[in-house]
């Protein structure tokens, strides 16, 4: 079995992508914590595990979870 390694550029890119995803989730949690319950679709506690799903959870919260 051949050992495959990522280039330093790929490692840096993946690291940055991970940081961006973590910031995205943090912003969703911060918004959820500071928003009134009547401004959120569904119970706020239901959004906590949803936001933990990488990329899809925070995006879903911002697109569908906030009443406009």
PDB file of N, CA and C in Angstrom:
ATOM      1  N   UNK A   1       0.837  -1.163   0.000  1.00  0.00           N
ATOM      2  CA  UNK A   1       0.000   0.000   0.000  1.00  0.00           C
ATOM      3  C   UNK A   1       0.891   1.240   0.000  1.00  0.00           C
ATOM      4  N   UNK A   2       0.631   2.143  -0.924  1.00  0.00           N
ATOM      5  CA  UNK A   2       1.439   3.352  -1.038  1.00  0.00           C
ATOM      6  C   UNK A   2       0.964   4.395  -0.025  1.00  0.00           C
ATOM      7  N   UNK A   3       1.916   5.060   0.561  1.00  0.00           N
ATOM      8  CA  UNK A   3       1.606   6.099   1.522  1.00  0.00           C
ATOM      9  C   UNK A   3       1.421   7.410   0.754  1.00  0.00           C
ATOM     10  N   UNK A   4       0.284   8.050   0.956  1.00  0.00           N
ATOM     11  CA  UNK A   4       0.037   9.325   0.293  1.00  0.00           C
ATOM     12  C   UNK A   4       0.072  10.436   1.328  1.00  0.00           C
ATOM     13  N   UNK A   5       0.709  11.501   0.958  1.00  0.00           N
ATOM     14  CA  UNK A   5       0.803  12.658   1.841  1.00  0.00           C
ATOM     15  C   UNK A   5       0.321  13.883   1.103  1.00  0.00           C
ATOM     16  N   UNK A   6      -0.232  14.806   1.856  1.00  0.00           N
ATOM     17  CA  UNK A   6      -0.662  16.059   1.278  1.00  0.00           C
ATOM     18  C   UNK A   6       0.515  17.018   1.176  1.00  0.00           C
ATOM     19  N   UNK A   7       0.464  17.857   0.168  1.00  0.00           N
ATOM     20  CA  UNK A   7       1.494  18.885   0.028  1.00  0.00           C
ATOM     21  C   UNK A   7       1.285  19.926   1.123  1.00  0.00           C
ATOM     22  N   UNK A   8       2.314  20.692   1.418  1.00  0.00           N
ATOM     23  CA  UNK A   8       2.154  21.757   2.426  1.00  0.00           C
ATOM     24  C   UNK A   8       1.048  22.747   2.053  1.00  0.00           C
ATOM     25  N   UNK A   9       0.886  23.031   0.779  1.00  0.00           N
ATOM     26  CA  UNK A   9      -0.166  23.937   0.337  1.00  0.00           C
ATOM     27  C   UNK A   9      -1.542  23.343   0.613  1.00  0.00           C
ATOM     28  N   UNK A  10      -1.712  22.056   0.350  1.00  0.00           N
ATOM     29  CA  UNK A  10      -2.986  21.388   0.613  1.00  0.00           C
ATOM     30  C   UNK A  10      -3.281  21.349   2.108  1.00  0.00           C
ATOM     31  N   UNK A  11      -2.264  21.089   2.914  1.00  0.00           N
ATOM     32  CA  UNK A  11      -2.452  21.082   4.367  1.00  0.00           C
ATOM     33  C   UNK A  11      -2.884  22.459   4.866  1.00  0.00           C
ATOM     34  N   UNK A  12      -2.261  23.498   4.333  1.00  0.00           N
ATOM     35  CA  UNK A  12      -2.621  24.860   4.719  1.00  0.00           C
ATOM     36  C   UNK A  12      -4.052  25.174   4.301  1.00  0.00           C
ATOM     37  N   UNK A  13      -4.415  24.790   3.085  1.00  0.00           N
ATOM     38  CA  UNK A  13      -5.772  25.030   2.602  1.00  0.00           C
ATOM     39  C   UNK A  13      -6.817  24.322   3.440  1.00  0.00           C
ATOM     40  N   UNK A  14      -6.556  23.074   3.787  1.00  0.00           N
ATOM     41  CA  UNK A  14      -7.491  22.326   4.625  1.00  0.00           C
ATOM     42  C   UNK A  14      -7.583  22.920   6.030  1.00  0.00           C
ATOM     43  N   UNK A  15      -6.459  23.377   6.535  1.00  0.00           N
ATOM     44  CA  UNK A  15      -6.464  24.030   7.849  1.00  0.00           C
ATOM     45  C   UNK A  15      -7.298  25.302   7.841  1.00  0.00           C
ATOM     46  N   UNK A  16      -7.128  26.113   6.799  1.00  0.00           N
ATOM     47  CA  UNK A  16      -7.912  27.343   6.679  1.00  0.00           C
ATOM     48  C   UNK A  16      -9.408  27.038   6.508  1.00  0.00           C
ATOM     49  N   UNK A  17      -9.703  26.013   5.736  1.00  0.00           N
ATOM     50  CA  UNK A  17     -11.094  25.607   5.539  1.00  0.00           C
ATOM     51  C   UNK A  17     -11.724  25.170   6.865  1.00  0.00           C
ATOM     52  N   UNK A  18     -10.961  24.455   7.672  1.00  0.00           N
ATOM     53  CA  UNK A  18     -11.446  24.047   8.993  1.00  0.00           C
ATOM     54  C   UNK A  18     -11.693  25.233   9.905  1.00  0.00           C
ATOM     55  N   UNK A  19     -10.811  26.219   9.848  1.00  0.00           N
ATOM     56  CA  UNK A  19     -10.987  27.420  10.665  1.00  0.00           C
ATOM     57  C   UNK A  19     -12.232  28.186  10.230  1.00  0.00           C
ATOM     58  N   UNK A  20     -12.428  28.322   8.921  1.00  0.00           N
ATOM     59  CA  UNK A  20     -13.608  29.026   8.405  1.00  0.00           C
ATOM     60  C   UNK A  20     -14.883  28.306   8.837  1.00  0.00           C
ATOM     61  N   UNK A  21     -14.882  26.980   8.774  1.00  0.00           N
ATOM     62  CA  UNK A  21     -16.065  26.218   9.187  1.00  0.00           C
ATOM     63  C   UNK A  21     -16.340  26.414  10.680  1.00  0.00           C
ATOM     64  N   UNK A  22     -15.303  26.413  11.496  1.00  0.00           N
ATOM     65  CA  UNK A  22     -15.478  26.611  12.935  1.00  0.00           C
ATOM     66  C   UNK A  22     -16.017  28.008  13.236  1.00  0.00           C
ATOM     67  N   UNK A  23     -15.531  29.011  12.520  1.00  0.00           N
ATOM     68  CA  UNK A  23     -16.020  30.378  12.703  1.00  0.00           C
ATOM     69  C   UNK A  23     -17.483  30.480  12.277  1.00  0.00           C
ATOM     70  N   UNK A  24     -17.843  29.825  11.166  1.00  0.00           N
ATOM     71  CA  UNK A  24     -19.213  29.800  10.678  1.00  0.00           C
ATOM     72  C   UNK A  24     -20.145  29.209  11.733  1.00  0.00           C
ATOM     73  N   UNK A  25     -19.753  28.093  12.339  1.00  0.00           N
ATOM     74  CA  UNK A  25     -20.554  27.460  13.382  1.00  0.00           C
ATOM     75  C   UNK A  25     -20.625  28.356  14.623  1.00  0.00           C
ATOM     76  N   UNK A  26     -19.503  28.968  15.002  1.00  0.00           N
ATOM     77  CA  UNK A  26     -19.490  29.872  16.149  1.00  0.00           C
ATOM     78  C   UNK A  26     -20.464  31.024  15.945  1.00  0.00           C
ATOM     79  N   UNK A  27     -20.461  31.617  14.742  1.00  0.00           N
ATOM     80  CA  UNK A  27     -21.365  32.725  14.463  1.00  0.00           C
ATOM     81  C   UNK A  27     -22.827  32.296  14.524  1.00  0.00           C
ATOM     82  N   UNK A  28     -23.115  31.092  14.067  1.00  0.00           N
ATOM     83  CA  UNK A  28     -24.484  30.577  14.149  1.00  0.00           C
ATOM     84  C   UNK A  28     -24.886  30.389  15.611  1.00  0.00           C
ATOM     85  N   UNK A  29     -24.003  29.814  16.423  1.00  0.00           N
ATOM     86  CA  UNK A  29     -24.300  29.641  17.851  1.00  0.00           C
ATOM     87  C   UNK A  29     -24.460  30.991  18.547  1.00  0.00           C
ATOM     88  N   UNK A  30     -23.605  31.937  18.221  1.00  0.00           N
ATOM     89  CA  UNK A  30     -23.668  33.260  18.837  1.00  0.00           C
ATOM     90  C   UNK A  30     -24.987  33.932  18.490  1.00  0.00           C
ATOM     91  N   UNK A  31     -25.371  33.867  17.217  1.00  0.00           N
ATOM     92  CA  UNK A  31     -26.628  34.468  16.785  1.00  0.00           C
ATOM     93  C   UNK A  31     -27.814  33.800  17.477  1.00  0.00           C
ATOM     94  N   UNK A  32     -27.797  32.474  17.532  1.00  0.00           N
ATOM     95  CA  UNK A  32     -28.878  31.733  18.184  1.00  0.00           C
ATOM     96  C   UNK A  32     -29.001  32.118  19.655  1.00  0.00           C
ATOM     97  N   UNK A  33     -27.880  32.269  20.338  1.00  0.00           N
ATOM     98  CA  UNK A  33     -27.897  32.602  21.759  1.00  0.00           C
ATOM     99  C   UNK A  33     -28.423  34.015  22.018  1.00  0.00           C
ATOM    100  N   UNK A  34     -28.182  34.935  21.087  1.00  0.00           N
ATOM    101  CA  UNK A  34     -28.554  36.329  21.287  1.00  0.00           C
ATOM    102  C   UNK A  34     -29.887  36.712  20.631  1.00  0.00           C
ATOM    103  N   UNK A  35     -30.505  35.800  19.936  1.00  0.00           N
ATOM    104  CA  UNK A  35     -31.770  36.086  19.245  1.00  0.00           C
ATOM    105  C   UNK A  35     -32.936  35.627  20.124  1.00  0.00           C
ATOM    106  N   UNK A  36     -34.016  36.418  20.161  1.00  0.00           N
ATOM    107  CA  UNK A  36     -35.211  36.033  20.903  1.00  0.00           C
ATOM    108  C   UNK A  36     -35.828  34.780  20.290  1.00  0.00           C
ATOM    109  N   UNK A  37     -36.482  33.977  21.113  1.00  0.00           N
ATOM    110  CA  UNK A  37     -37.071  32.719  20.660  1.00  0.00           C
ATOM    111  C   UNK A  37     -38.136  32.927  19.589  1.00  0.00           C
ATOM    112  N   UNK A  38     -38.845  34.052  19.647  1.00  0.00           N
ATOM    113  CA  UNK A  38     -39.885  34.293  18.646  1.00  0.00           C
ATOM    114  C   UNK A  38     -39.314  34.691  17.283  1.00  0.00           C
ATOM    115  N   UNK A  39     -38.020  34.928  17.204  1.00  0.00           N
ATOM    116  CA  UNK A  39     -37.365  35.252  15.935  1.00  0.00           C
ATOM    117  C   UNK A  39     -36.737  34.028  15.277  1.00  0.00           C
ATOM    118  N   UNK A  40     -36.868  32.860  15.927  1.00  0.00           N
ATOM    119  CA  UNK A  40     -36.263  31.625  15.423  1.00  0.00           C
ATOM    120  C   UNK A  40     -37.378  30.653  15.065  1.00  0.00           C
ATOM    121  N   UNK A  41     -37.247  30.025  13.914  1.00  0.00           N
ATOM    122  CA  UNK A  41     -38.228  29.001  13.516  1.00  0.00           C
ATOM    123  C   UNK A  41     -37.934  27.718  14.285  1.00  0.00           C
ATOM    124  N   UNK A  42     -38.927  27.216  14.991  1.00  0.00           N
ATOM    125  CA  UNK A  42     -38.749  26.010  15.780  1.00  0.00           C
ATOM    126  C   UNK A  42     -38.106  26.328  17.113  1.00  0.00           C
ATOM    127  N   UNK A  43     -38.001  25.311  17.965  1.00  0.00           N
ATOM    128  CA  UNK A  43     -37.369  25.538  19.275  1.00  0.00           C
ATOM    129  C   UNK A  43     -35.862  25.776  19.136  1.00  0.00           C
ATOM    130  N   UNK A  44     -35.371  26.715  19.917  1.00  0.00           N
ATOM    131  CA  UNK A  44     -33.947  27.051  19.853  1.00  0.00           C
ATOM    132  C   UNK A  44     -33.062  25.847  20.173  1.00  0.00           C
ATOM    133  N   UNK A  45     -33.503  25.010  21.130  1.00  0.00           N
ATOM    134  CA  UNK A  45     -32.679  23.859  21.516  1.00  0.00           C
ATOM    135  C   UNK A  45     -32.532  22.855  20.374  1.00  0.00           C
ATOM    136  N   UNK A  46     -33.484  22.841  19.457  1.00  0.00           N
ATOM    137  CA  UNK A  46     -33.390  21.925  18.314  1.00  0.00           C
ATOM    138  C   UNK A  46     -32.318  22.374  17.324  1.00  0.00           C
ATOM    139  N   UNK A  47     -31.986  23.661  17.322  1.00  0.00           N
ATOM    140  CA  UNK A  47     -30.974  24.163  16.398  1.00  0.00           C
ATOM    141  C   UNK A  47     -29.552  23.858  16.873  1.00  0.00           C
ATOM    142  N   UNK A  48     -29.379  23.604  18.159  1.00  0.00           N
ATOM    143  CA  UNK A  48     -28.026  23.337  18.675  1.00  0.00           C
ATOM    144  C   UNK A  48     -27.388  22.119  18.005  1.00  0.00           C
ATOM    145  N   UNK A  49     -28.019  20.936  18.011  1.00  0.00           N
ATOM    146  CA  UNK A  49     -27.376  19.807  17.316  1.00  0.00           C
ATOM    147  C   UNK A  49     -27.342  19.995  15.802  1.00  0.00           C
ATOM    148  N   UNK A  50     -28.318  20.720  15.260  1.00  0.00           N
ATOM    149  CA  UNK A  50     -28.322  20.949  13.804  1.00  0.00           C
ATOM    150  C   UNK A  50     -27.112  21.771  13.384  1.00  0.00           C
ATOM    151  N   UNK A  51     -26.752  22.770  14.170  1.00  0.00           N
ATOM    152  CA  UNK A  51     -25.612  23.629  13.831  1.00  0.00           C
ATOM    153  C   UNK A  51     -24.306  22.844  13.880  1.00  0.00           C
ATOM    154  N   UNK A  52     -24.266  21.772  14.655  1.00  0.00           N
ATOM    155  CA  UNK A  52     -23.045  20.973  14.758  1.00  0.00           C
ATOM    156  C   UNK A  52     -22.727  20.173  13.488  1.00  0.00           C
ATOM    157  N   UNK A  53     -23.672  20.074  12.568  1.00  0.00           N
ATOM    158  CA  UNK A  53     -23.423  19.367  11.301  1.00  0.00           C
ATOM    159  C   UNK A  53     -22.609  20.303  10.416  1.00  0.00           C
ATOM    160  N   UNK A  54     -21.393  19.897  10.095  1.00  0.00           N
ATOM    161  CA  UNK A  54     -20.471  20.761   9.355  1.00  0.00           C
ATOM    162  C   UNK A  54     -21.110  21.383   8.125  1.00  0.00           C
ATOM    163  N   UNK A  55     -20.913  22.673   7.982  1.00  0.00           N
ATOM    164  CA  UNK A  55     -21.358  23.499   6.861  1.00  0.00           C
ATOM    165  C   UNK A  55     -22.867  23.506   6.689  1.00  0.00           C
ATOM    166  N   UNK A  56     -23.502  22.350   6.648  1.00  0.00           N
ATOM    167  CA  UNK A  56     -24.937  22.281   6.367  1.00  0.00           C
ATOM    168  C   UNK A  56     -25.743  22.870   7.531  1.00  0.00           C
ATOM    169  N   UNK A  57     -25.346  22.574   8.750  1.00  0.00           N
ATOM    170  CA  UNK A  57     -26.086  23.055   9.908  1.00  0.00           C
ATOM    171  C   UNK A  57     -26.096  24.568  10.040  1.00  0.00           C
ATOM    172  N   UNK A  58     -24.929  25.213  10.070  1.00  0.00           N
ATOM    173  CA  UNK A  58     -24.938  26.677  10.154  1.00  0.00           C
ATOM    174  C   UNK A  58     -25.614  27.334   8.955  1.00  0.00           C
ATOM    175  N   UNK A  59     -25.404  26.794   7.772  1.00  0.00           N
ATOM    176  CA  UNK A  59     -26.049  27.354   6.581  1.00  0.00           C
ATOM    177  C   UNK A  59     -27.562  27.220   6.680  1.00  0.00           C
ATOM    178  N   UNK A  60     -28.043  26.075   7.152  1.00  0.00           N
ATOM    179  CA  UNK A  60     -29.484  25.873   7.322  1.00  0.00           C
ATOM    180  C   UNK A  60     -30.060  26.844   8.340  1.00  0.00           C
ATOM    181  N   UNK A  61     -29.322  27.050   9.421  1.00  0.00           N
ATOM    182  CA  UNK A  61     -29.792  27.986  10.442  1.00  0.00           C
ATOM    183  C   UNK A  61     -29.944  29.382   9.849  1.00  0.00           C
ATOM    184  N   UNK A  62     -28.913  29.868   9.164  1.00  0.00           N
ATOM    185  CA  UNK A  62     -28.970  31.215   8.613  1.00  0.00           C
ATOM    186  C   UNK A  62     -29.985  31.346   7.481  1.00  0.00           C
ATOM    187  N   UNK A  63     -30.194  30.279   6.713  1.00  0.00           N
ATOM    188  CA  UNK A  63     -31.135  30.349   5.590  1.00  0.00           C
ATOM    189  C   UNK A  63     -32.589  30.104   6.011  1.00  0.00           C
ATOM    190  N   UNK A  64     -32.805  29.151   6.920  1.00  0.00           N
ATOM    191  CA  UNK A  64     -34.165  28.737   7.241  1.00  0.00           C
ATOM    192  C   UNK A  64     -34.571  28.938   8.689  1.00  0.00           C
ATOM    193  N   UNK A  65     -33.638  29.097   9.589  1.00  0.00           N
ATOM    194  CA  UNK A  65     -33.961  29.144  11.014  1.00  0.00           C
ATOM    195  C   UNK A  65     -34.330  30.503  11.548  1.00  0.00           C
ATOM    196  N   UNK A  66     -34.006  31.556  10.819  1.00  0.00           N
ATOM    197  CA  UNK A  66     -34.271  32.904  11.305  1.00  0.00           C
ATOM    198  C   UNK A  66     -35.513  33.449  10.607  1.00  0.00           C
ATOM    199  N   UNK A  67     -36.449  33.910  11.416  1.00  0.00           N
ATOM    200  CA  UNK A  67     -37.653  34.548  10.835  1.00  0.00           C
ATOM    201  C   UNK A  67     -37.268  35.928  10.341  1.00  0.00           C
ATOM    202  N   UNK A  68     -37.711  36.236   9.165  1.00  0.00           N
ATOM    203  CA  UNK A  68     -37.411  37.558   8.589  1.00  0.00           C
ATOM    204  C   UNK A  68     -38.664  38.371   8.448  1.00  0.00           C
TER     205      UNK A  68
END
